[in-house]
Amino acid sequence: MVTGKKFLERAVFISARRSPPAGDGIGLVDDDTSDESKAPKPVSRAVRITRYLIRKGYLWPILVITLVVVSIAYAIGRTHDLVCISPTYSDHFARLRFLGFSSDESDFESLGVPWCRSKNGKSVEWTYKDLLAGIEEFVSIYETRPIKNNVYGMGFDHSFGLWFITRWLKPDLMIESGAFKGHSTWVLRQAMRDKPIVSLSPRHPAKYLNKGSAYVDANCTYFTGKAFVDFGSVDWAMVMAQHGIKDPSRVLVFFDDHQSELKRLKQAVNAGFMHLIFEDNYDTGTGDHYSLRQICDQYYIRGGGHSCFKDSDEARIRNKRKKFWDKAIDINELCGDGESWWGVRGHMRDNFNHTNTKITHAQHFENSRYVESVLDVYWELPPVAGPSLTHQTRYDPARARLPIIEDGKYSLFQRIGLLKFDVSVFNGYTQMVYVQVSAPDRLHSSSLRNF
């Protein structure tokens, strides 16, 4: 196929061959007159080329192709103008593009997203459309939240995730371990208006009222203050009987207590609970407790495993990303002694990092095998919207799932009503995860003996 450039070169070459000596023009000349006013005038090379393209029929195709290319370039530029709302954030993404990063969906999952494997390959029932419709409904609910400035607590993403999953499952009893000021209790109540809640927390939410906003629920049994009991020490059979619950599969447990999720998983399985949500499912190398995300970060898992080689592609990418994302970590932070990258530098953290136990890679591997032995469903909540829309700078998109509302969909973000919220409410995403575990009679007895 002959390109436009070749057409132009050929036209110039033909014109040169046919041109008269220098100083003569090209055109219709009246040879019968000597009137100087009718003498042929010199014609520029651009005109000669244009005439040649018209004569050969090449001009219109070239104009059409040029128009299409210009239209596409304008559309792309217009899209970026829409999503880059503030000059400072526009500069932020300009710097990312300069370093080779993209602000669109291709940036997500680029460093891998380890996904815990379930025994039977089951997944959740809800779809993307269900999530999108849920966000649209939840926006007006979230506006009525009693705790507007929930610093150190859940933001919009996880609040929506807890509400959506709870409403979908419709449990008969809700249990939360870790209440803080009561925001999660309020979210559970919005999902299930008339179902009982059991809340375990060292401090009663009412204690925060003298410092600001808090929420106390009238239909909630509080194990707090002097009555506090750790989740693993509660007689759950008795508590369920007190609330008229006979089937533990009708109970939803929400953990936001910064305890080892391996420990909590085993305790929940022993109690017979099947539906669990972990709020802070920290990525490898981050956080104050051993998470399911960390446990499932294994070489044999797609998107899992890491290299501590300082000249590796992963090391170079991580070093760049650390400049722009608060929770991004470089290879020096990821890897501990002996190239131990699992957990947090080869350690299993627990209890707000008050306990920090060093584990071998073999122990880390066995932990993942236990999780797989009891796991039926593993589902990480995606970010509600891309960072160019929410202006979040905390989590690294390279280690996160594609958002529900992708970058560039500004009109959708605006139509749903998310533009009205302060950007700070979108800065608390830590891979909240819902898991469904096997019923007790299906568990491997060898796995239970390891507890």
Protein backbone atom coordinates (compact mmCIF):
# COMPACT_ATOMS: atom_id res chain seq x y z
CA MET A 1 0.00 0.00 0.00
CA VAL A 2 1.43 3.43 -1.04
CA THR A 3 1.52 5.93 1.80
CA GLY A 4 0.66 9.63 1.64
CA LYS A 5 4.32 10.51 2.02
CA LYS A 6 5.24 8.44 -1.01
CA PHE A 7 2.44 10.10 -2.97
CA LEU A 8 3.93 13.50 -2.20
CA GLU A 9 7.45 12.41 -3.09
CA ARG A 10 6.23 10.93 -6.38
CA ALA A 11 4.31 14.12 -7.17
CA VAL A 12 7.36 16.30 -6.57
CA PHE A 13 9.50 13.99 -8.71
CA ILE A 14 7.03 14.08 -11.63
CA SER A 15 6.63 17.85 -11.38
CA ALA A 16 10.41 18.30 -11.43
CA ARG A 17 10.76 16.15 -14.55
CA ARG A 18 8.05 18.12 -16.41
CA SER A 19 9.04 21.62 -15.23
CA PRO A 20 10.47 24.10 -17.70
CA PRO A 21 13.77 25.81 -17.01
CA ALA A 22 14.05 28.00 -13.95
CA GLY A 23 12.09 31.21 -14.18
CA ASP A 24 9.28 29.82 -16.38
CA GLY A 25 5.83 29.13 -14.97
CA ILE A 26 3.43 26.28 -15.43
CA GLY A 27 -0.02 27.03 -16.83
CA LEU A 28 -2.06 27.89 -19.90
CA VAL A 29 -0.10 30.31 -22.06
CA ASP A 30 -1.56 32.36 -24.94
CA ASP A 31 1.22 31.99 -27.52
CA ASP A 32 -0.49 34.47 -29.93
CA THR A 33 -0.14 37.53 -27.74
CA SER A 34 2.76 39.52 -26.46
CA ASP A 35 0.74 41.35 -23.79
CA GLU A 36 2.87 41.25 -20.63
CA SER A 37 -0.23 41.38 -18.45
CA LYS A 38 -1.19 37.96 -19.72
CA ALA A 39 2.21 36.37 -19.20
CA PRO A 40 2.10 33.18 -17.05
CA LYS A 41 2.90 33.70 -13.37
CA PRO A 42 5.08 31.32 -11.35
CA VAL A 43 3.09 28.65 -9.49
CA SER A 44 4.26 27.39 -6.10
CA ARG A 45 5.24 23.78 -5.47
CA ALA A 46 2.27 23.34 -3.06
CA VAL A 47 -0.14 24.31 -5.84
CA ARG A 48 1.55 21.95 -8.29
CA ILE A 49 1.29 19.08 -5.76
CA THR A 50 -2.37 19.87 -5.04
CA ARG A 51 -3.19 19.89 -8.75
CA TYR A 52 -1.46 16.57 -9.19
CA LEU A 53 -3.37 14.98 -6.29
CA ILE A 54 -6.68 16.27 -7.68
CA ARG A 55 -5.88 14.97 -11.17
CA LYS A 56 -4.98 11.51 -9.81
CA GLY A 57 -7.93 11.38 -7.35
CA TYR A 58 -5.75 11.15 -4.19
CA LEU A 59 -6.72 14.40 -2.50
CA TRP A 60 -10.07 13.47 -0.95
CA PRO A 61 -8.89 10.20 0.67
CA ILE A 62 -5.99 12.10 2.25
CA LEU A 63 -8.30 14.83 3.56
CA VAL A 64 -10.73 12.27 5.02
CA ILE A 65 -7.93 10.35 6.78
CA THR A 66 -6.51 13.61 8.16
CA LEU A 67 -9.93 14.66 9.47
CA VAL A 68 -10.42 11.31 11.23
CA VAL A 69 -6.99 11.47 12.89
CA VAL A 70 -7.58 15.03 14.11
CA SER A 71 -11.03 14.11 15.46
CA ILE A 72 -9.67 11.17 17.44
CA ALA A 73 -6.83 13.27 18.87
CA TYR A 74 -9.32 15.96 19.93
CA ALA A 75 -11.61 13.41 21.61
CA ILE A 76 -8.73 11.94 23.60
CA GLY A 77 -7.57 15.38 24.67
CA ARG A 78 -11.12 16.34 25.67
CA THR A 79 -11.46 13.23 27.86
CA HIS A 80 -8.30 14.09 29.78
CA ASP A 81 -9.53 17.67 30.24
CA LEU A 82 -12.72 16.36 31.84
CA VAL A 83 -11.10 14.06 34.36
CA CYS A 84 -8.25 16.39 35.35
CA ILE A 85 -10.42 18.70 37.39
CA SER A 86 -7.85 20.52 39.46
CA PRO A 87 -4.50 21.86 38.20
CA THR A 88 -2.56 20.16 40.99
CA TYR A 89 -4.07 16.78 40.25
CA SER A 90 -3.53 17.30 36.53
CA ASP A 91 0.13 17.92 37.29
CA HIS A 92 0.19 14.75 39.37
CA PHE A 93 -0.94 12.59 36.47
CA ALA A 94 1.29 14.44 34.04
CA ARG A 95 4.24 13.38 36.16
CA LEU A 96 2.96 9.79 36.15
CA ARG A 97 2.71 9.77 32.36
CA PHE A 98 6.22 11.27 32.12
CA LEU A 99 7.56 8.30 34.07
CA GLY A 100 5.76 5.86 31.84
CA PHE A 101 2.64 5.34 33.94
CA SER A 102 -0.89 5.60 32.63
CA SER A 103 -3.85 7.12 34.43
CA ASP A 104 -6.31 4.78 32.74
CA GLU A 105 -7.40 1.25 33.57
CA SER A 106 -4.27 -0.40 32.17
CA ASP A 107 -2.38 0.80 35.27
CA PHE A 108 -4.51 -1.37 37.57
CA GLU A 109 -3.25 -4.87 38.43
CA SER A 110 0.05 -4.17 36.64
CA LEU A 111 2.09 -5.42 39.64
CA GLY A 112 -0.25 -8.36 40.24
CA VAL A 113 -3.24 -8.96 42.50
CA PRO A 114 -2.90 -12.22 44.45
CA TRP A 115 -6.31 -13.90 44.76
CA CYS A 116 -6.98 -16.60 47.34
CA ARG A 117 -8.01 -19.82 45.65
CA SER A 118 -11.28 -21.43 46.68
CA LYS A 119 -11.76 -25.19 46.76
CA ASN A 120 -14.53 -25.34 44.19
CA GLY A 121 -13.92 -22.21 42.14
CA LYS A 122 -17.11 -20.56 43.38
CA SER A 123 -17.64 -16.83 43.12
CA VAL A 124 -20.13 -14.25 44.36
CA GLU A 125 -23.60 -13.92 42.88
CA TRP A 126 -23.61 -10.16 42.38
CA THR A 127 -22.44 -8.49 39.18
CA TYR A 128 -20.94 -5.21 38.06
CA LYS A 129 -24.42 -3.84 37.36
CA ASP A 130 -25.50 -4.77 40.90
CA LEU A 131 -22.51 -2.90 42.34
CA LEU A 132 -23.13 0.17 40.21
CA ALA A 133 -26.81 0.27 41.14
CA GLY A 134 -25.82 -0.19 44.77
CA ILE A 135 -23.45 2.78 44.69
CA GLU A 136 -26.17 4.97 43.25
CA GLU A 137 -28.53 3.98 46.08
CA PHE A 138 -25.90 4.23 48.81
CA VAL A 139 -24.86 7.81 47.98
CA SER A 140 -27.98 9.30 49.58
CA ILE A 141 -27.63 6.97 52.59
CA TYR A 142 -23.99 7.93 53.12
CA GLU A 143 -24.93 11.61 53.15
CA THR A 144 -26.94 11.01 56.34
CA ARG A 145 -24.06 9.40 58.27
CA PRO A 146 -23.81 10.74 61.83
CA ILE A 147 -20.00 10.72 61.85
CA LYS A 148 -18.98 13.05 59.03
CA ASN A 149 -15.27 13.12 59.80
CA ASN A 150 -14.44 9.47 60.42
CA VAL A 151 -10.67 9.84 60.63
CA TYR A 152 -8.93 6.45 61.15
CA GLY A 153 -12.24 4.76 60.32
CA MET A 154 -13.93 3.57 57.13
CA GLY A 155 -14.38 5.90 54.19
CA PHE A 156 -16.87 5.68 51.36
CA ASP A 157 -15.44 2.61 49.60
CA HIS A 158 -15.51 0.24 52.56
CA SER A 159 -18.72 1.69 53.95
CA PHE A 160 -20.38 0.90 50.65
CA GLY A 161 -18.83 -2.58 50.58
CA LEU A 162 -20.08 -3.46 54.06
CA TRP A 163 -23.56 -2.11 53.33
CA PHE A 164 -23.83 -3.83 49.95
CA ILE A 165 -22.66 -7.27 51.09
CA THR A 166 -24.80 -7.17 54.23
CA ARG A 167 -27.90 -6.16 52.34
CA TRP A 168 -27.27 -8.86 49.73
CA LEU A 169 -26.80 -11.67 52.27
CA LYS A 170 -29.63 -10.53 54.59
CA PRO A 171 -28.27 -12.17 57.76
CA ASP A 172 -30.41 -12.79 60.85
CA LEU A 173 -27.59 -11.68 63.16
CA MET A 174 -24.67 -9.32 62.58
CA ILE A 175 -21.47 -9.42 64.63
CA GLU A 176 -18.75 -6.79 64.51
CA SER A 177 -15.36 -7.10 66.16
CA GLY A 178 -14.02 -3.56 66.44
CA ALA A 179 -16.52 -0.72 66.58
CA PHE A 180 -14.45 2.45 67.19
CA LYS A 181 -16.94 5.37 67.13
CA GLY A 182 -19.81 3.23 65.82
CA HIS A 183 -19.70 4.06 62.11
CA SER A 184 -19.67 0.41 61.05
CA THR A 185 -22.58 -0.27 63.43
CA TRP A 186 -24.51 2.51 61.68
CA VAL A 187 -23.69 1.02 58.25
CA LEU A 188 -24.92 -2.42 59.33
CA ARG A 189 -28.11 -0.85 60.64
CA GLN A 190 -28.75 0.88 57.28
CA ALA A 191 -28.45 -2.49 55.54
CA MET A 192 -30.67 -4.44 57.97
CA ARG A 193 -33.10 -2.21 59.82
CA ASP A 194 -34.61 -4.70 62.24
CA LYS A 195 -31.94 -7.38 62.81
CA PRO A 196 -29.86 -7.58 66.01
CA ILE A 197 -26.21 -6.59 66.16
CA VAL A 198 -23.53 -7.81 68.54
CA SER A 199 -20.58 -5.43 68.93
CA LEU A 200 -17.23 -6.26 70.53
CA SER A 201 -14.81 -3.42 71.19
CA PRO A 202 -12.50 -2.50 74.10
CA ARG A 203 -14.10 0.94 74.32
CA HIS A 204 -17.80 1.76 74.06
CA PRO A 205 -18.60 4.13 71.15
CA ALA A 206 -20.42 6.48 73.56
CA LYS A 207 -17.02 7.34 75.08
CA TYR A 208 -16.22 9.30 71.93
CA LEU A 209 -19.27 11.56 72.24
CA ASN A 210 -17.44 14.05 74.42
CA LYS A 211 -14.85 14.47 71.64
CA GLY A 212 -17.24 14.66 68.71
CA SER A 213 -19.72 12.49 66.83
CA ALA A 214 -20.42 8.83 67.59
CA TYR A 215 -23.22 6.30 67.04
CA VAL A 216 -24.88 3.99 69.56
CA ASP A 217 -27.50 1.53 68.33
CA ALA A 218 -30.60 0.66 70.38
CA ASN A 219 -30.82 -2.90 69.05
CA CYS A 220 -27.18 -3.79 69.66
CA THR A 221 -25.63 -5.94 72.40
CA TYR A 222 -22.33 -4.34 73.37
CA PHE A 223 -19.40 -6.33 74.76
CA THR A 224 -17.34 -3.24 75.52
CA GLY A 225 -15.47 -1.55 78.35
CA LYS A 226 -15.44 -3.75 81.46
CA ALA A 227 -17.75 -6.21 79.68
CA PHE A 228 -15.38 -6.59 76.74
CA VAL A 229 -14.66 -10.15 75.58
CA ASP A 230 -12.37 -10.99 72.68
CA PHE A 231 -14.05 -12.63 69.69
CA GLY A 232 -12.16 -15.88 70.22
CA SER A 233 -13.31 -16.16 73.84
CA VAL A 234 -17.06 -15.59 73.36
CA ASP A 235 -19.49 -18.48 73.86
CA TRP A 236 -21.17 -17.98 70.51
CA ALA A 237 -23.62 -20.83 70.90
CA MET A 238 -25.03 -19.11 73.97
CA VAL A 239 -25.08 -15.66 72.30
CA MET A 240 -26.91 -17.02 69.27
CA ALA A 241 -29.42 -18.80 71.50
CA GLN A 242 -30.10 -15.51 73.30
CA HIS A 243 -31.00 -13.96 69.96
CA GLY A 244 -33.01 -16.96 68.77
CA ILE A 245 -30.47 -17.94 66.09
CA LYS A 246 -30.02 -21.66 65.50
CA ASP A 247 -28.19 -21.67 62.16
CA PRO A 248 -24.69 -20.09 62.23
CA SER A 249 -24.79 -19.80 58.43
CA ARG A 250 -27.38 -17.02 58.95
CA VAL A 251 -24.77 -14.91 60.78
CA LEU A 252 -22.47 -12.33 59.21
CA VAL A 253 -19.22 -11.46 61.02
CA PHE A 254 -17.39 -8.22 60.31
CA PHE A 255 -13.78 -7.87 61.49
CA ASP A 256 -12.21 -4.43 61.89
CA ASP A 257 -10.08 -5.20 64.92
CA HIS A 258 -6.56 -5.27 63.44
CA GLN A 259 -5.92 -8.83 64.56
CA SER A 260 -4.27 -11.58 62.54
CA GLU A 261 -6.83 -12.62 59.94
CA LEU A 262 -5.49 -16.16 60.03
CA LYS A 263 -6.31 -16.29 63.74
CA ARG A 264 -9.75 -14.78 63.22
CA LEU A 265 -10.50 -17.13 60.32
CA LYS A 266 -9.75 -20.18 62.43
CA GLN A 267 -11.83 -18.86 65.34
CA ALA A 268 -14.78 -18.16 63.06
CA VAL A 269 -14.56 -21.62 61.48
CA ASN A 270 -14.49 -23.24 64.92
CA ALA A 271 -17.61 -21.28 65.87
CA GLY A 272 -19.37 -22.51 62.72
CA PHE A 273 -19.68 -19.10 61.03
CA MET A 274 -19.60 -19.11 57.24
CA HIS A 275 -19.85 -15.46 56.10
CA LEU A 276 -16.97 -13.16 57.04
CA ILE A 277 -15.83 -9.67 56.03
CA PHE A 278 -12.34 -8.37 56.80
CA GLU A 279 -12.09 -4.59 56.57
CA ASP A 280 -8.31 -4.07 56.45
CA ASN A 281 -7.02 -6.72 54.06
CA TYR A 282 -3.54 -5.22 53.87
CA ASP A 283 -1.20 -5.82 50.97
CA THR A 284 2.13 -7.60 51.41
CA GLY A 285 4.68 -5.44 53.20
CA THR A 286 2.08 -3.12 54.75
CA GLY A 287 -0.31 -3.00 57.69
CA ASP A 288 -0.34 -3.92 61.36
CA HIS A 289 -1.66 -7.49 61.07
CA TYR A 290 -1.28 -10.65 58.98
CA SER A 291 -3.99 -10.46 56.30
CA LEU A 292 -5.59 -12.88 53.87
CA ARG A 293 -4.12 -10.86 50.99
CA GLN A 294 -0.66 -11.43 52.49
CA ILE A 295 -1.32 -15.12 53.15
CA CYS A 296 -2.42 -15.73 49.55
CA ASP A 297 0.54 -13.86 48.09
CA GLN A 298 2.34 -17.01 46.93
CA TYR A 299 4.48 -17.91 43.93
CA TYR A 300 1.96 -20.48 42.73
CA ILE A 301 -0.86 -17.89 42.78
CA ARG A 302 -1.37 -15.74 39.70
CA GLY A 303 -0.17 -12.24 40.59
CA GLY A 304 1.63 -13.54 43.69
CA GLY A 305 5.24 -13.86 44.80
CA HIS A 306 8.01 -11.28 44.67
CA SER A 307 11.66 -10.83 43.72
CA CYS A 308 14.06 -9.08 46.05
CA PHE A 309 16.64 -8.57 43.28
CA LYS A 310 17.34 -4.83 43.34
CA ASP A 311 17.80 -4.59 39.56
CA SER A 312 14.62 -6.48 38.70
CA ASP A 313 11.74 -4.97 36.74
CA GLU A 314 9.60 -5.09 39.89
CA ALA A 315 12.21 -3.14 41.84
CA ARG A 316 12.45 -0.41 39.20
CA ILE A 317 8.67 -0.09 38.92
CA ARG A 318 8.19 0.01 42.69
CA ASN A 319 10.84 2.70 43.10
CA LYS A 320 8.98 4.93 40.65
CA ARG A 321 5.53 4.31 42.10
CA LYS A 322 6.59 5.09 45.65
CA LYS A 323 6.89 8.75 44.68
CA PHE A 324 3.19 9.03 43.92
CA TRP A 325 1.20 6.58 46.06
CA ASP A 326 1.26 6.73 49.85
CA LYS A 327 1.01 2.96 50.38
CA ALA A 328 3.39 1.97 47.59
CA ILE A 329 6.58 0.40 48.94
CA ASP A 330 9.95 -0.16 47.32
CA ILE A 331 12.04 -3.33 47.36
CA ASN A 332 13.98 -2.25 50.46
CA GLU A 333 10.72 -1.93 52.41
CA LEU A 334 9.26 -5.10 50.93
CA CYS A 335 12.21 -7.40 51.63
CA GLY A 336 13.77 -8.24 54.98
CA ASP A 337 16.73 -10.37 55.98
CA GLY A 338 17.43 -13.30 53.70
CA GLU A 339 15.10 -11.90 50.99
CA SER A 340 12.06 -12.56 53.19
CA TRP A 341 9.22 -10.64 51.50
CA TRP A 342 6.15 -12.51 52.84
CA GLY A 343 3.89 -10.97 55.45
CA VAL A 344 5.76 -7.82 56.41
CA ARG A 345 9.45 -8.47 55.76
CA GLY A 346 9.07 -12.08 56.79
CA HIS A 347 6.99 -11.39 59.90
CA MET A 348 3.41 -12.21 60.90
CA ARG A 349 2.00 -9.17 62.66
CA ASP A 350 -0.90 -9.28 65.13
CA ASN A 351 -2.79 -7.11 67.60
CA PHE A 352 -2.07 -3.66 66.09
CA ASN A 353 1.53 -4.81 65.51
CA HIS A 354 2.07 -5.31 69.24
CA THR A 355 2.99 -8.89 68.35
CA ASN A 356 5.47 -9.42 65.53
CA THR A 357 6.43 -13.05 64.92
CA LYS A 358 9.04 -14.07 62.38
CA ILE A 359 7.90 -16.94 60.14
CA THR A 360 9.68 -18.98 57.49
CA HIS A 361 8.52 -19.17 53.91
CA ALA A 362 7.52 -22.79 54.56
CA GLN A 363 5.23 -21.66 57.40
CA HIS A 364 3.82 -18.93 55.18
CA PHE A 365 3.09 -21.55 52.52
CA GLU A 366 1.34 -23.84 55.01
CA ASN A 367 -0.84 -20.94 56.14
CA SER A 368 -2.05 -20.48 52.57
CA ARG A 369 -2.81 -24.20 52.30
CA TYR A 370 -4.99 -23.99 55.39
CA VAL A 371 -6.89 -21.00 54.02
CA GLU A 372 -7.54 -22.86 50.77
CA SER A 373 -8.77 -25.91 52.69
CA VAL A 374 -11.67 -23.95 54.22
CA LEU A 375 -12.33 -21.34 51.54
CA ASP A 376 -15.39 -21.52 49.30
CA VAL A 377 -15.52 -17.87 48.10
CA TYR A 378 -12.95 -15.08 48.15
CA TRP A 379 -13.95 -11.65 46.81
CA GLU A 380 -12.09 -8.37 47.22
CA LEU A 381 -14.15 -5.21 46.96
CA PRO A 382 -12.89 -3.13 44.00
CA PRO A 383 -12.26 0.59 44.49
CA VAL A 384 -15.47 2.51 43.91
CA ALA A 385 -13.85 4.76 41.28
CA GLY A 386 -10.49 5.39 39.65
CA PRO A 387 -7.98 7.77 41.25
CA SER A 388 -8.36 10.46 38.57
CA LEU A 389 -12.00 10.75 39.70
CA THR A 390 -11.65 10.34 43.47
CA HIS A 391 -8.27 12.13 43.75
CA GLN A 392 -7.11 9.41 46.13
CA THR A 393 -3.36 9.02 46.58
CA ARG A 394 -3.23 6.23 49.16
CA TYR A 395 -3.43 2.77 47.60
CA ASP A 396 -1.30 1.84 44.60
CA PRO A 397 -3.53 0.97 41.60
CA ALA A 398 -0.87 -1.44 40.36
CA ARG A 399 -1.82 -3.74 43.26
CA ALA A 400 -5.59 -3.20 43.08
CA ARG A 401 -8.51 -4.51 41.05
CA LEU A 402 -10.11 -2.47 38.30
CA PRO A 403 -12.45 0.10 39.89
CA ILE A 404 -16.23 -0.11 39.54
CA ILE A 405 -16.26 3.32 37.89
CA GLU A 406 -13.14 3.47 35.75
CA ASP A 407 -10.97 6.50 35.10
CA GLY A 408 -12.36 8.67 32.34
CA LYS A 409 -16.02 8.08 33.23
CA TYR A 410 -16.41 11.50 34.78
CA SER A 411 -20.01 11.97 33.63
CA LEU A 412 -21.04 8.73 35.36
CA PHE A 413 -19.13 9.69 38.51
CA GLN A 414 -20.93 13.03 38.52
CA ARG A 415 -24.38 11.66 37.66
CA ILE A 416 -24.32 9.13 40.50
CA GLY A 417 -23.56 11.94 42.95
CA LEU A 418 -20.04 11.07 44.07
CA LEU A 419 -18.68 14.47 43.11
CA LYS A 420 -20.39 16.06 46.11
CA PHE A 421 -18.17 14.28 48.67
CA ASP A 422 -14.84 15.55 49.93
CA VAL A 423 -11.93 13.68 48.39
CA SER A 424 -10.79 12.51 51.83
CA VAL A 425 -13.64 9.96 52.05
CA PHE A 426 -12.08 8.01 49.17
CA ASN A 427 -8.63 7.71 50.73
CA GLY A 428 -9.24 4.68 52.94
CA TYR A 429 -9.26 1.72 50.54
CA THR A 430 -7.41 -1.35 51.85
CA GLN A 431 -8.81 -4.24 49.80
CA MET A 432 -11.82 -5.12 51.99
CA VAL A 433 -12.60 -8.80 51.43
CA TYR A 434 -15.65 -11.04 51.79
CA VAL A 435 -15.05 -14.75 52.32
CA GLN A 436 -17.37 -17.69 52.60
CA VAL A 437 -15.91 -20.69 54.37
CA SER A 438 -16.93 -24.32 54.43
CA ALA A 439 -19.55 -25.69 56.78
CA PRO A 440 -17.95 -27.47 59.75
CA ASP A 441 -18.82 -30.96 58.52
CA ARG A 442 -16.82 -30.35 55.34
CA LEU A 443 -13.62 -29.21 56.98
CA HIS A 444 -10.50 -31.31 56.88
CA SER A 445 -9.83 -32.64 60.38
CA SER A 446 -6.09 -32.30 59.82
CA SER A 447 -6.47 -28.58 59.18
CA LEU A 448 -8.45 -28.08 62.39
CA ARG A 449 -5.81 -29.89 64.43
CA ASN A 450 -3.25 -27.30 63.26
CA PHE A 451 -5.16 -24.59 65.13
